[in-house]
Amino acid sequence: MAHNPVTMARRHVLGDLNYRFEPVHDVPVYLDDKTGPVLGLVDESLGKYADAITFHLAEDVCKKLAMGHFTYSFEYDYADRTDASPGGKRRLKLSSITLVSRKGYEKPVSARVAVTAESA
């Protein structure tokens, strides 16, 4: 199965904790939970998209990811276990990302189709 890259903004994936994470390198990606097989890897994109991460996944998963069919869950550890920074500002190291399928995701219905269905 060929892997295709999909690049996304770090902030979009990591949310409010984005600024606390160390650079992302070869982190495994799972689907729905960590008990299944590894779908692929994620790492930091360099160059043109310096503040982005790149998912290396199968083409069908990449398409779903780009279309918003997943939310993100991730596991992490403290980057330096001896650092005792006050106020919970310790640096974090990403250990895995899980793509969580959205439940009940339905394709939006166009206004024209909705009006036609109500008329019938």
C-alpha atoms as a PDB file:
ATOM      1  CA  MET A   1       0.000   0.000   0.000  1.00  0.00           C
ATOM      2  CA  ALA A   2       1.518   3.308  -1.094  1.00  0.00           C
ATOM      3  CA  HIS A   3       1.804   6.155   1.367  1.00  0.00           C
ATOM      4  CA  ASN A   4       1.028   9.691   0.284  1.00  0.00           C
ATOM      5  CA  PRO A   5       1.931  12.788   2.252  1.00  0.00           C
ATOM      6  CA  VAL A   6      -0.694  15.217   3.573  1.00  0.00           C
ATOM      7  CA  THR A   7       0.575  18.411   5.207  1.00  0.00           C
ATOM      8  CA  MET A   8      -1.466  20.164   7.898  1.00  0.00           C
ATOM      9  CA  ALA A   9      -0.824  23.069  10.248  1.00  0.00           C
ATOM     10  CA  ARG A  10       0.631  21.987  13.596  1.00  0.00           C
ATOM     11  CA  ARG A  11      -1.871  24.193  15.422  1.00  0.00           C
ATOM     12  CA  HIS A  12      -4.788  22.501  13.643  1.00  0.00           C
ATOM     13  CA  VAL A  13      -3.684  19.046  14.811  1.00  0.00           C
ATOM     14  CA  LEU A  14      -2.122  19.788  18.217  1.00  0.00           C
ATOM     15  CA  GLY A  15      -4.461  22.577  19.296  1.00  0.00           C
ATOM     16  CA  ASP A  16      -3.595  24.788  22.267  1.00  0.00           C
ATOM     17  CA  LEU A  17      -0.659  22.564  23.263  1.00  0.00           C
ATOM     18  CA  ASN A  18       1.099  23.178  19.934  1.00  0.00           C
ATOM     19  CA  TYR A  19       3.662  25.626  21.338  1.00  0.00           C
ATOM     20  CA  ARG A  20       4.720  23.148  24.062  1.00  0.00           C
ATOM     21  CA  PHE A  21       5.556  20.238  21.744  1.00  0.00           C
ATOM     22  CA  GLU A  22       9.084  19.423  20.665  1.00  0.00           C
ATOM     23  CA  PRO A  23       9.629  18.972  16.892  1.00  0.00           C
ATOM     24  CA  VAL A  24       7.723  15.933  15.594  1.00  0.00           C
ATOM     25  CA  HIS A  25       9.824  13.106  14.090  1.00  0.00           C
ATOM     26  CA  ASP A  26       8.500   9.735  12.890  1.00  0.00           C
ATOM     27  CA  VAL A  27       5.540   9.518  15.270  1.00  0.00           C
ATOM     28  CA  PRO A  28       3.193   6.546  14.634  1.00  0.00           C
ATOM     29  CA  VAL A  29      -0.412   7.190  13.526  1.00  0.00           C
ATOM     30  CA  TYR A  30      -3.280   4.879  14.511  1.00  0.00           C
ATOM     31  CA  LEU A  31      -6.962   4.667  13.571  1.00  0.00           C
ATOM     32  CA  ASP A  32      -9.556   4.946  16.385  1.00  0.00           C
ATOM     33  CA  ASP A  33      -7.331   3.330  19.063  1.00  0.00           C
ATOM     34  CA  LYS A  34      -3.767   2.174  19.642  1.00  0.00           C
ATOM     35  CA  THR A  35      -4.621  -1.538  19.542  1.00  0.00           C
ATOM     36  CA  GLY A  36      -4.760  -1.660  15.742  1.00  0.00           C
ATOM     37  CA  PRO A  37      -1.935  -1.572  13.240  1.00  0.00           C
ATOM     38  CA  VAL A  38       0.100   1.558  12.588  1.00  0.00           C
ATOM     39  CA  LEU A  39      -1.410   3.425   9.607  1.00  0.00           C
ATOM     40  CA  GLY A  40       1.702   5.436   8.919  1.00  0.00           C
ATOM     41  CA  LEU A  41       3.929   8.122  10.369  1.00  0.00           C
ATOM     42  CA  VAL A  42       3.823  11.841  10.966  1.00  0.00           C
ATOM     43  CA  ASP A  43       6.791  14.216  11.048  1.00  0.00           C
ATOM     44  CA  GLU A  44       7.582  17.884  10.774  1.00  0.00           C
ATOM     45  CA  SER A  45       7.623  19.281   7.318  1.00  0.00           C
ATOM     46  CA  LEU A  46      10.696  21.328   6.566  1.00  0.00           C
ATOM     47  CA  GLY A  47      11.286  24.124   4.133  1.00  0.00           C
ATOM     48  CA  LYS A  48       8.266  25.842   2.639  1.00  0.00           C
ATOM     49  CA  TYR A  49       5.859  24.720   5.391  1.00  0.00           C
ATOM     50  CA  ALA A  50       8.058  25.080   8.476  1.00  0.00           C
ATOM     51  CA  ASP A  51       5.112  25.272  10.905  1.00  0.00           C
ATOM     52  CA  ALA A  52       3.362  22.147   9.651  1.00  0.00           C
ATOM     53  CA  ILE A  53       3.384  18.425  10.126  1.00  0.00           C
ATOM     54  CA  THR A  54       3.144  15.862   7.362  1.00  0.00           C
ATOM     55  CA  PHE A  55       1.115  12.662   7.617  1.00  0.00           C
ATOM     56  CA  HIS A  56       2.479   9.758   5.546  1.00  0.00           C
ATOM     57  CA  LEU A  57      -0.616   7.552   5.116  1.00  0.00           C
ATOM     58  CA  ALA A  58      -2.442   5.443   2.540  1.00  0.00           C
ATOM     59  CA  GLU A  59      -4.211   7.440  -0.174  1.00  0.00           C
ATOM     60  CA  ASP A  60      -7.764   6.632   0.999  1.00  0.00           C
ATOM     61  CA  VAL A  61      -6.965   7.708   4.580  1.00  0.00           C
ATOM     62  CA  CYS A  62      -5.296  10.885   3.284  1.00  0.00           C
ATOM     63  CA  LYS A  63      -8.453  11.824   1.382  1.00  0.00           C
ATOM     64  CA  LYS A  64     -10.637  11.297   4.453  1.00  0.00           C
ATOM     65  CA  LEU A  65      -8.199  13.255   6.613  1.00  0.00           C
ATOM     66  CA  ALA A  66      -8.218  16.185   4.190  1.00  0.00           C
ATOM     67  CA  MET A  67     -12.039  16.143   4.059  1.00  0.00           C
ATOM     68  CA  GLY A  68     -12.376  16.369   7.857  1.00  0.00           C
ATOM     69  CA  HIS A  69     -13.599  12.848   8.601  1.00  0.00           C
ATOM     70  CA  PHE A  70     -11.326  12.592  11.663  1.00  0.00           C
ATOM     71  CA  THR A  71     -10.568  14.369  14.891  1.00  0.00           C
ATOM     72  CA  TYR A  72      -7.193  13.975  16.599  1.00  0.00           C
ATOM     73  CA  SER A  73      -6.180  12.341  19.810  1.00  0.00           C
ATOM     74  CA  PHE A  74      -2.575  12.124  20.892  1.00  0.00           C
ATOM     75  CA  GLU A  75      -0.340  10.718  23.561  1.00  0.00           C
ATOM     76  CA  TYR A  76       2.756  12.452  24.839  1.00  0.00           C
ATOM     77  CA  ASP A  77       5.447  12.422  27.507  1.00  0.00           C
ATOM     78  CA  TYR A  78       7.417  15.209  29.105  1.00  0.00           C
ATOM     79  CA  ALA A  79      10.422  16.037  26.921  1.00  0.00           C
ATOM     80  CA  ASP A  80      12.701  16.447  29.948  1.00  0.00           C
ATOM     81  CA  ARG A  81      11.558  14.600  33.047  1.00  0.00           C
ATOM     82  CA  THR A  82      13.946  16.581  35.247  1.00  0.00           C
ATOM     83  CA  ASP A  83      12.543  19.958  34.181  1.00  0.00           C
ATOM     84  CA  ALA A  84      10.261  21.346  36.876  1.00  0.00           C
ATOM     85  CA  SER A  85       8.997  24.437  35.074  1.00  0.00           C
ATOM     86  CA  PRO A  86       6.269  26.180  37.065  1.00  0.00           C
ATOM     87  CA  GLY A  87       2.678  26.564  35.899  1.00  0.00           C
ATOM     88  CA  GLY A  88       2.505  23.435  33.747  1.00  0.00           C
ATOM     89  CA  LYS A  89       4.666  24.867  30.950  1.00  0.00           C
ATOM     90  CA  ARG A  90       6.943  21.851  30.582  1.00  0.00           C
ATOM     91  CA  ARG A  91       7.956  20.857  27.042  1.00  0.00           C
ATOM     92  CA  LEU A  92       6.183  17.810  25.611  1.00  0.00           C
ATOM     93  CA  LYS A  93       7.251  15.052  23.237  1.00  0.00           C
ATOM     94  CA  LEU A  94       4.573  13.530  21.014  1.00  0.00           C
ATOM     95  CA  SER A  95       4.537   9.708  21.187  1.00  0.00           C
ATOM     96  CA  SER A  96       1.505   8.877  18.972  1.00  0.00           C
ATOM     97  CA  ILE A  97      -1.453  10.382  17.116  1.00  0.00           C
ATOM     98  CA  THR A  98      -4.784   8.607  16.785  1.00  0.00           C
ATOM     99  CA  LEU A  99      -7.208   9.560  14.042  1.00  0.00           C
ATOM    100  CA  VAL A 100     -10.674   9.293  15.581  1.00  0.00           C
ATOM    101  CA  SER A 101     -13.521   8.740  13.111  1.00  0.00           C
ATOM    102  CA  ARG A 102     -16.306  11.265  13.485  1.00  0.00           C
ATOM    103  CA  LYS A 103     -19.538   9.533  14.523  1.00  0.00           C
ATOM    104  CA  GLY A 104     -22.627  10.101  12.420  1.00  0.00           C
ATOM    105  CA  TYR A 105     -20.797  12.173   9.847  1.00  0.00           C
ATOM    106  CA  GLU A 106     -23.191  12.875   7.008  1.00  0.00           C
ATOM    107  CA  LYS A 107     -22.503  14.689   3.820  1.00  0.00           C
ATOM    108  CA  PRO A 108     -24.267  18.089   3.821  1.00  0.00           C
ATOM    109  CA  VAL A 109     -27.421  18.246   1.702  1.00  0.00           C
ATOM    110  CA  SER A 110     -27.698  21.120  -0.754  1.00  0.00           C
ATOM    111  CA  ALA A 111     -30.575  23.583  -0.276  1.00  0.00           C
ATOM    112  CA  ARG A 112     -32.075  22.590  -3.643  1.00  0.00           C
ATOM    113  CA  VAL A 113     -32.268  18.901  -2.686  1.00  0.00           C
ATOM    114  CA  ALA A 114     -33.737  19.768   0.744  1.00  0.00           C
ATOM    115  CA  VAL A 115     -36.517  21.899  -0.811  1.00  0.00           C
ATOM    116  CA  THR A 116     -37.345  19.178  -3.344  1.00  0.00           C
ATOM    117  CA  ALA A 117     -37.556  16.549  -0.594  1.00  0.00           C
ATOM    118  CA  GLU A 118     -39.914  18.733   1.488  1.00  0.00           C
ATOM    119  CA  SER A 119     -42.186  19.354  -1.532  1.00  0.00           C
ATOM    120  CA  ALA A 120     -42.700  15.666  -2.166  1.00  0.00           C
END
